[in-house]
Amino acid sequence: MQLVDRKALLQIAPLWRLAFRPFFLAGTAFAALAIPLWLGVLAGLWPDWQPAGGALAWHRHEMLFGFGVAIIAGFLLTAAQTWTGRQGVSGRPLTALALLWLAARLAWLLDAPLWLLIPLEIAFLPAVAVLLGRMLLPVRQVRNYPIVGVLILLTLADLLVVAGLMHSNDAWQRQGVIAALWLVAAMMGLIGGRVIPFFTQRGLGLPAQVPAVPWLERLALGGLVTVALLSAAGLALRPQPWLAGVFAAVALLHGVRLARWHDRRLWRVPLLWSLHLAYAWLVLALVGQALWHAGLLSNPSLALHALAVGGVGGLILAMVARVSLGHTGRPLQPPQAMAWAFALLNLGAVARVLLPPLLPLGALLMSGIAWTLAFALFVWHYAPMLCRPRLDGQPG
């Protein structure tokens, strides 16, 4: 086994010692900047700006493959060092990976020619999958192989979006993005199923964490991957009564998981209630999709935004707030402002899901402002932590 080279890591600038540092910082800063840019489009502030595929296509794609994928990469490439005991990506290779991510974001933003945009965009996720696989395979971390599988499926979803961009096919782009959203939800289910009960047990001082039920874990993950594949094929993007049962069944599986992890004392701990609320938004999104396919909900976008804003955004904010503390050698007590950040994000999700029928533009503005403030609070308070050495003098 290749052990972590502590002496070599200490010679590297703190920002480049482990993947969570640059990717958590870049991803959350991107989240805080991209939504105001999108709100400006809705308000007609910059009519001449034309990103690749148009402003709507840019917004859909970048909130997943820009923001979401950056956080996923930072988390996985950091966690893999803990899982395997092998050296995580750091130094120049990590810098190159971060610059690849940034170059792809600029290519979309500035409407770069497709011959440049496509290779930059398509290279990132496979690079993350290869780096992760090189850490898992030598120690036969079979338990984590499904994570590599989800990264490969995310790459295929991105290829579908890029194909739609090449052929000016908005349907392909939408199918790829929504498939990717459910794949990110699958990653939520996979990683959340490990860390939420563990963090709950540690945060509340419980004698043991809630044990996993293997069949429930497999069905819950398989259900979300199935939904993603149905979305990629376009089947889940138009109302079909038989899909109401599929979404309802997957919602039940994840609802049972969430109920098993619950402890009433968690509502006193912001680092815990933020995680549980984010997972509840995933369940709510699945229920919303079931209602839409049953003909009981008129707008499927509301359920998808429940997942994107409350679920994905909420879990990311809660995870980066907790993981950043642990991996920088700090006590697991976030700055007080983070409780406000968690509350703002959830209020923004409520506004985005419940208010559009009453205040179409106002709901978007309220949700976007709440999202922006939530992630700006994280960047303001955590950027110094991510750019400085660990408090305990350890590498990483």
Protein backbone atom coordinates (compact mmCIF):
# COMPACT_ATOMS: atom_id res chain seq x y z
CA MET A 1 0.00 0.00 0.00
CA GLN A 2 1.25 3.49 -0.89
CA LEU A 3 1.07 5.42 2.38
CA VAL A 4 0.46 9.15 2.54
CA ASP A 5 3.76 11.04 2.26
CA ARG A 6 3.28 13.57 5.07
CA LYS A 7 6.62 15.30 4.60
CA ALA A 8 6.04 15.86 0.89
CA LEU A 9 2.52 17.19 1.48
CA LEU A 10 3.80 19.77 3.95
CA GLN A 11 6.01 21.21 1.19
CA ILE A 12 2.94 21.98 -0.95
CA ALA A 13 0.94 25.21 -0.62
CA PRO A 14 -2.07 24.47 1.65
CA LEU A 15 -4.67 25.07 -1.08
CA TRP A 16 -3.24 22.20 -3.17
CA ARG A 17 -2.69 19.58 -0.46
CA LEU A 18 -6.02 17.80 -0.87
CA ALA A 19 -8.79 18.03 -3.46
CA PHE A 20 -11.48 19.33 -1.11
CA ARG A 21 -9.62 22.63 -0.73
CA PRO A 22 -9.63 24.02 -4.30
CA PHE A 23 -12.83 22.32 -5.40
CA PHE A 24 -14.95 23.27 -2.39
CA LEU A 25 -13.73 26.85 -2.70
CA ALA A 26 -14.11 27.06 -6.48
CA GLY A 27 -17.44 25.21 -6.55
CA THR A 28 -19.11 27.30 -3.86
CA ALA A 29 -17.73 30.57 -5.29
CA PHE A 30 -19.10 29.51 -8.68
CA ALA A 31 -22.50 28.82 -7.08
CA ALA A 32 -22.50 32.28 -5.49
CA LEU A 33 -21.61 33.98 -8.81
CA ALA A 34 -23.52 31.94 -11.39
CA ILE A 35 -26.99 32.47 -9.93
CA PRO A 36 -26.73 36.30 -9.89
CA LEU A 37 -25.60 36.06 -13.51
CA TRP A 38 -28.69 33.98 -14.29
CA LEU A 39 -30.93 36.40 -12.38
CA GLY A 40 -29.47 39.19 -14.48
CA VAL A 41 -30.53 37.32 -17.62
CA LEU A 42 -34.08 37.00 -16.27
CA ALA A 43 -34.09 40.70 -15.46
CA GLY A 44 -32.82 41.60 -18.94
CA LEU A 45 -29.63 43.25 -17.67
CA TRP A 46 -27.27 41.80 -20.29
CA PRO A 47 -29.21 40.97 -23.44
CA ASP A 48 -26.05 40.66 -25.57
CA TRP A 49 -24.46 37.90 -23.47
CA GLN A 50 -24.63 34.59 -25.29
CA PRO A 51 -23.02 31.59 -23.58
CA ALA A 52 -22.73 28.23 -25.32
CA GLY A 53 -26.22 26.99 -26.21
CA GLY A 54 -27.92 30.09 -24.82
CA ALA A 55 -28.46 31.36 -21.28
CA LEU A 56 -31.03 28.72 -20.25
CA ALA A 57 -28.90 25.85 -21.51
CA TRP A 58 -25.88 27.34 -19.73
CA HIS A 59 -27.82 27.63 -16.44
CA ARG A 60 -29.11 24.06 -16.62
CA HIS A 61 -25.74 22.58 -17.51
CA GLU A 62 -23.43 24.57 -15.31
CA MET A 63 -25.29 24.21 -12.04
CA LEU A 64 -24.73 20.46 -12.36
CA PHE A 65 -21.56 19.99 -14.38
CA GLY A 66 -19.90 23.14 -13.07
CA PHE A 67 -20.98 23.56 -9.46
CA GLY A 68 -22.18 20.07 -8.53
CA VAL A 69 -19.39 18.11 -10.19
CA ALA A 70 -16.70 20.32 -8.61
CA ILE A 71 -17.95 19.48 -5.11
CA ILE A 72 -18.28 15.79 -5.98
CA ALA A 73 -14.70 15.70 -7.27
CA GLY A 74 -13.37 17.47 -4.18
CA PHE A 75 -15.23 15.17 -1.81
CA LEU A 76 -14.44 11.86 -3.54
CA LEU A 77 -10.75 12.51 -4.16
CA THR A 78 -10.37 13.53 -0.51
CA ALA A 79 -12.44 10.72 0.96
CA ALA A 80 -10.57 8.13 -1.12
CA GLN A 81 -7.38 8.91 0.78
CA THR A 82 -9.19 8.06 4.02
CA TRP A 83 -10.81 4.96 2.51
CA THR A 84 -7.60 3.52 1.06
CA GLY A 85 -4.69 5.01 2.99
CA ARG A 86 -3.13 5.90 -0.36
CA GLN A 87 -1.86 9.32 -1.35
CA GLY A 88 -4.63 11.53 -2.68
CA VAL A 89 -4.15 13.81 -5.66
CA SER A 90 -2.24 16.94 -4.62
CA GLY A 91 0.26 19.50 -5.87
CA ARG A 92 0.68 19.95 -9.61
CA PRO A 93 -1.73 17.15 -10.68
CA LEU A 94 -4.44 18.70 -8.49
CA THR A 95 -3.69 22.15 -9.89
CA ALA A 96 -3.96 20.79 -13.44
CA LEU A 97 -7.30 19.13 -12.63
CA ALA A 98 -8.67 22.36 -11.14
CA LEU A 99 -7.50 24.36 -14.16
CA LEU A 100 -9.23 21.85 -16.46
CA TRP A 101 -12.48 22.40 -14.56
CA LEU A 102 -12.03 26.18 -14.76
CA ALA A 103 -11.20 26.13 -18.47
CA ALA A 104 -14.41 24.22 -19.22
CA ARG A 105 -16.44 26.74 -17.21
CA LEU A 106 -14.91 29.64 -19.15
CA ALA A 107 -15.50 27.82 -22.44
CA TRP A 108 -19.24 27.56 -21.70
CA LEU A 109 -19.44 31.09 -20.35
CA LEU A 110 -17.69 32.70 -23.32
CA ASP A 111 -19.24 30.50 -26.03
CA ALA A 112 -15.90 29.04 -27.11
CA PRO A 113 -15.80 27.15 -30.43
CA LEU A 114 -17.00 23.57 -30.09
CA TRP A 115 -13.62 22.15 -31.09
CA LEU A 116 -12.25 23.70 -27.88
CA LEU A 117 -15.28 23.45 -25.58
CA ILE A 118 -16.06 19.78 -26.13
CA PRO A 119 -12.67 18.25 -25.20
CA LEU A 120 -12.36 20.55 -22.19
CA GLU A 121 -15.83 19.62 -20.98
CA ILE A 122 -15.63 15.88 -21.61
CA ALA A 123 -12.17 15.41 -20.08
CA PHE A 124 -12.93 16.34 -16.48
CA LEU A 125 -15.22 13.58 -15.21
CA PRO A 126 -13.19 10.74 -16.79
CA ALA A 127 -10.07 12.26 -15.21
CA VAL A 128 -11.74 12.18 -11.79
CA ALA A 129 -12.93 8.60 -12.38
CA VAL A 130 -9.42 7.48 -13.37
CA LEU A 131 -7.79 9.16 -10.38
CA LEU A 132 -10.37 7.62 -8.06
CA GLY A 133 -10.07 4.20 -9.68
CA ARG A 134 -6.27 4.26 -9.33
CA MET A 135 -6.73 4.64 -5.59
CA LEU A 136 -9.52 2.06 -5.17
CA LEU A 137 -8.39 -0.77 -7.44
CA PRO A 138 -4.99 -1.63 -5.88
CA VAL A 139 -6.61 -2.14 -2.47
CA ARG A 140 -9.74 -3.76 -3.95
CA GLN A 141 -12.21 -1.29 -2.48
CA VAL A 142 -15.16 -3.13 -4.00
CA ARG A 143 -17.60 -1.27 -1.77
CA ASN A 144 -16.74 1.98 -3.55
CA TYR A 145 -16.72 0.72 -7.14
CA PRO A 146 -20.34 1.88 -7.67
CA ILE A 147 -19.12 5.46 -7.18
CA VAL A 148 -16.85 5.10 -10.21
CA GLY A 149 -19.83 3.66 -12.08
CA VAL A 150 -21.93 6.74 -11.29
CA LEU A 151 -19.08 8.99 -12.51
CA ILE A 152 -19.04 7.08 -15.81
CA LEU A 153 -22.81 7.47 -16.17
CA LEU A 154 -22.45 11.20 -15.45
CA THR A 155 -19.90 11.37 -18.26
CA LEU A 156 -22.37 9.73 -20.63
CA ALA A 157 -25.08 12.21 -19.57
CA ASP A 158 -22.66 15.05 -20.29
CA LEU A 159 -21.94 13.54 -23.70
CA LEU A 160 -25.68 13.60 -24.41
CA VAL A 161 -25.80 17.30 -23.51
CA VAL A 162 -22.78 18.03 -25.71
CA ALA A 163 -24.34 16.08 -28.59
CA GLY A 164 -27.45 18.20 -28.21
CA LEU A 165 -25.30 21.32 -28.25
CA MET A 166 -23.55 20.20 -31.44
CA HIS A 167 -26.84 19.45 -33.23
CA SER A 168 -28.86 22.32 -31.69
CA ASN A 169 -31.14 19.70 -30.16
CA ASP A 170 -32.63 21.12 -26.97
CA ALA A 171 -34.41 17.85 -26.17
CA TRP A 172 -31.11 15.95 -25.96
CA GLN A 173 -29.61 18.67 -23.80
CA ARG A 174 -32.57 18.58 -21.43
CA GLN A 175 -32.55 14.77 -21.26
CA GLY A 176 -28.84 14.77 -20.43
CA VAL A 177 -29.16 17.43 -17.75
CA ILE A 178 -32.15 15.84 -16.01
CA ALA A 179 -30.48 12.42 -16.16
CA ALA A 180 -27.40 14.01 -14.57
CA LEU A 181 -29.56 15.57 -11.86
CA TRP A 182 -30.90 12.14 -10.87
CA LEU A 183 -27.38 10.69 -11.04
CA VAL A 184 -26.20 13.39 -8.64
CA ALA A 185 -29.18 12.38 -6.50
CA ALA A 186 -27.90 8.79 -6.69
CA MET A 187 -24.52 10.05 -5.45
CA MET A 188 -26.43 11.82 -2.66
CA GLY A 189 -28.08 8.55 -1.75
CA LEU A 190 -24.84 6.58 -1.89
CA ILE A 191 -22.65 8.98 0.08
CA GLY A 192 -25.46 10.37 2.23
CA GLY A 193 -26.40 6.86 3.29
CA ARG A 194 -22.96 6.54 4.84
CA VAL A 195 -22.26 9.96 6.27
CA ILE A 196 -25.69 11.11 7.50
CA PRO A 197 -26.16 8.28 10.04
CA PHE A 198 -22.44 8.45 10.94
CA PHE A 199 -22.44 12.21 11.44
CA THR A 200 -25.71 11.95 13.38
CA GLN A 201 -24.27 9.34 15.71
CA ARG A 202 -21.07 11.33 16.26
CA GLY A 203 -22.84 14.69 16.55
CA LEU A 204 -25.31 13.45 19.17
CA GLY A 205 -22.91 11.15 21.01
CA LEU A 206 -25.06 8.08 20.37
CA PRO A 207 -23.62 4.68 21.33
CA ALA A 208 -23.89 3.39 17.74
CA GLN A 209 -25.06 4.58 14.35
CA VAL A 210 -28.16 3.20 12.68
CA PRO A 211 -27.06 0.07 10.81
CA ALA A 212 -27.55 -0.10 7.06
CA VAL A 213 -30.06 -2.54 5.59
CA PRO A 214 -28.28 -4.00 2.53
CA TRP A 215 -31.36 -4.70 0.42
CA LEU A 216 -32.77 -1.24 1.16
CA GLU A 217 -29.47 0.41 0.21
CA ARG A 218 -29.27 -1.48 -3.09
CA LEU A 219 -32.88 -0.81 -4.07
CA ALA A 220 -32.65 2.88 -3.14
CA LEU A 221 -29.53 3.39 -5.27
CA GLY A 222 -30.88 1.26 -8.11
CA GLY A 223 -34.13 3.22 -8.11
CA LEU A 224 -32.37 6.56 -8.64
CA VAL A 225 -30.11 5.15 -11.35
CA THR A 226 -33.20 3.72 -13.08
CA VAL A 227 -34.90 7.12 -12.95
CA ALA A 228 -31.76 8.69 -14.44
CA LEU A 229 -31.68 6.18 -17.30
CA LEU A 230 -35.39 6.73 -18.01
CA SER A 231 -34.71 10.48 -18.10
CA ALA A 232 -31.77 10.06 -20.47
CA ALA A 233 -34.03 8.09 -22.81
CA GLY A 234 -36.68 10.80 -22.60
CA LEU A 235 -39.27 8.46 -21.11
CA ALA A 236 -39.49 10.24 -17.76
CA LEU A 237 -39.73 13.69 -19.32
CA ARG A 238 -43.35 13.34 -20.35
CA PRO A 239 -46.19 12.29 -18.02
CA GLN A 240 -46.86 8.56 -18.03
CA PRO A 241 -49.10 6.98 -15.38
CA TRP A 242 -46.98 3.87 -14.98
CA LEU A 243 -44.01 6.03 -13.95
CA ALA A 244 -46.01 7.44 -11.04
CA GLY A 245 -45.63 4.05 -9.37
CA VAL A 246 -41.88 3.96 -10.07
CA PHE A 247 -41.26 7.38 -8.55
CA ALA A 248 -43.54 6.64 -5.60
CA ALA A 249 -41.68 3.39 -4.87
CA VAL A 250 -38.28 5.12 -4.99
CA ALA A 251 -39.64 7.91 -2.76
CA LEU A 252 -40.79 5.30 -0.24
CA LEU A 253 -37.36 3.63 -0.19
CA HIS A 254 -35.57 6.90 0.52
CA GLY A 255 -38.23 8.03 2.96
CA VAL A 256 -37.70 4.85 4.99
CA ARG A 257 -33.95 5.47 5.03
CA LEU A 258 -34.44 9.04 6.26
CA ALA A 259 -36.91 7.96 8.95
CA ARG A 260 -34.46 5.31 10.22
CA TRP A 261 -31.71 7.93 10.65
CA HIS A 262 -33.91 10.43 12.50
CA ASP A 263 -33.36 11.43 16.11
CA ARG A 264 -35.37 14.33 17.51
CA ARG A 265 -32.27 15.83 19.15
CA LEU A 266 -30.67 16.53 15.75
CA TRP A 267 -32.83 19.66 15.33
CA ARG A 268 -30.61 21.41 17.87
CA VAL A 269 -27.48 20.89 15.73
CA PRO A 270 -27.23 22.91 12.47
CA LEU A 271 -24.66 20.55 10.94
CA LEU A 272 -27.18 17.73 11.37
CA TRP A 273 -30.59 19.24 10.60
CA SER A 274 -29.17 20.72 7.41
CA LEU A 275 -28.18 17.23 6.21
CA HIS A 276 -31.53 15.67 7.10
CA LEU A 277 -33.52 18.50 5.52
CA ALA A 278 -31.52 18.16 2.29
CA TYR A 279 -32.34 14.46 2.12
CA ALA A 280 -36.00 15.25 2.81
CA TRP A 281 -35.99 17.49 -0.29
CA LEU A 282 -34.85 14.47 -2.33
CA VAL A 283 -37.83 12.48 -1.04
CA LEU A 284 -40.16 15.41 -1.74
CA ALA A 285 -38.83 15.70 -5.30
CA LEU A 286 -39.55 12.02 -5.93
CA VAL A 287 -43.08 12.43 -4.55
CA GLY A 288 -43.57 15.49 -6.77
CA GLN A 289 -42.51 13.56 -9.86
CA ALA A 290 -44.91 10.75 -8.91
CA LEU A 291 -47.74 13.28 -8.62
CA TRP A 292 -46.85 14.83 -11.98
CA HIS A 293 -46.86 11.49 -13.75
CA ALA A 294 -50.20 10.70 -12.07
CA GLY A 295 -51.65 13.94 -13.46
CA LEU A 296 -51.96 15.57 -10.04
CA LEU A 297 -49.24 18.21 -10.49
CA SER A 298 -49.09 20.50 -13.50
CA ASN A 299 -45.44 21.61 -13.50
CA PRO A 300 -42.64 19.02 -13.27
CA SER A 301 -40.06 21.80 -12.92
CA LEU A 302 -41.18 22.40 -9.34
CA ALA A 303 -40.21 18.88 -8.26
CA LEU A 304 -36.92 19.04 -10.18
CA HIS A 305 -36.03 22.33 -8.49
CA ALA A 306 -36.93 20.83 -5.10
CA LEU A 307 -34.19 18.32 -5.83
CA ALA A 308 -31.73 20.78 -7.39
CA VAL A 309 -32.05 23.60 -4.86
CA GLY A 310 -33.14 21.95 -1.62
CA GLY A 311 -31.67 18.50 -2.16
CA VAL A 312 -28.42 18.90 -4.08
CA GLY A 313 -27.72 22.48 -2.98
CA GLY A 314 -28.69 21.76 0.61
CA LEU A 315 -26.64 18.59 0.95
CA ILE A 316 -23.61 20.20 -0.68
CA LEU A 317 -23.71 23.21 1.64
CA ALA A 318 -24.11 21.01 4.71
CA MET A 319 -21.39 18.59 3.62
CA VAL A 320 -18.76 21.18 2.68
CA ALA A 321 -19.39 23.02 5.96
CA ARG A 322 -18.75 19.88 8.00
CA VAL A 323 -16.04 18.20 5.91
CA SER A 324 -13.99 21.39 5.66
CA LEU A 325 -13.86 21.66 9.44
CA GLY A 326 -12.76 18.08 9.95
CA HIS A 327 -10.12 18.08 7.23
CA THR A 328 -8.58 21.36 8.37
CA GLY A 329 -8.15 20.09 11.93
CA ARG A 330 -10.85 22.28 13.45
CA PRO A 331 -13.54 21.45 16.01
CA LEU A 332 -16.84 20.47 14.43
CA GLN A 333 -18.44 23.77 15.36
CA PRO A 334 -19.19 25.86 12.26
CA PRO A 335 -19.27 29.66 12.34
CA GLN A 336 -22.61 30.87 13.69
CA ALA A 337 -23.40 32.42 10.32
CA MET A 338 -23.66 28.96 8.77
CA ALA A 339 -26.94 28.28 10.59
CA TRP A 340 -28.27 31.33 8.73
CA ALA A 341 -26.78 30.00 5.49
CA PHE A 342 -28.56 26.65 5.93
CA ALA A 343 -31.83 28.42 6.74
CA LEU A 344 -31.49 30.77 3.75
CA LEU A 345 -30.90 27.92 1.34
CA ASN A 346 -33.96 26.03 2.58
CA LEU A 347 -36.10 29.16 2.47
CA GLY A 348 -34.87 29.68 -1.09
CA ALA A 349 -35.94 26.15 -1.96
CA VAL A 350 -39.40 26.78 -0.48
CA ALA A 351 -39.70 29.97 -2.53
CA ARG A 352 -38.60 28.20 -5.74
CA VAL A 353 -41.01 25.30 -5.29
CA LEU A 354 -44.13 26.85 -3.72
CA LEU A 355 -44.28 30.47 -4.89
CA PRO A 356 -43.99 30.38 -8.73
CA PRO A 357 -47.76 29.96 -9.26
CA LEU A 358 -48.32 33.16 -7.23
CA LEU A 359 -45.21 35.22 -8.03
CA PRO A 360 -43.51 33.77 -11.12
CA LEU A 361 -40.56 36.17 -11.37
CA GLY A 362 -40.57 37.16 -7.71
CA ALA A 363 -40.18 33.53 -6.63
CA LEU A 364 -37.12 33.12 -8.83
CA LEU A 365 -35.57 36.31 -7.52
CA MET A 366 -36.20 35.42 -3.87
CA SER A 367 -34.86 31.92 -4.34
CA GLY A 368 -31.80 33.14 -6.23
CA ILE A 369 -30.95 35.82 -3.67
CA ALA A 370 -31.30 33.33 -0.79
CA TRP A 371 -29.07 30.79 -2.61
CA THR A 372 -26.45 33.44 -3.37
CA LEU A 373 -26.32 34.69 0.21
CA ALA A 374 -26.05 31.14 1.57
CA PHE A 375 -23.04 30.24 -0.55
CA ALA A 376 -21.47 33.68 -0.15
CA LEU A 377 -21.57 33.15 3.62
CA PHE A 378 -19.75 29.86 3.19
CA VAL A 379 -17.07 31.40 0.97
CA TRP A 380 -16.58 34.35 3.33
CA HIS A 381 -16.11 32.20 6.42
CA TYR A 382 -14.40 29.14 4.95
CA ALA A 383 -12.04 30.54 2.30
CA PRO A 384 -9.39 31.37 4.94
CA MET A 385 -9.65 27.83 6.35
CA LEU A 386 -9.28 26.25 2.92
CA CYS A 387 -6.25 28.37 2.03
CA ARG A 388 -4.34 27.88 5.29
CA PRO A 389 -2.61 24.85 6.85
CA ARG A 390 -4.44 22.55 9.24
CA LEU A 391 -4.61 23.88 12.79
CA ASP A 392 -3.18 20.64 14.18
CA GLY A 393 -0.06 20.81 12.00
CA GLN A 394 -0.96 17.68 10.07
CA PRO A 395 -0.76 17.59 6.24
CA GLY A 396 -3.86 17.66 4.13
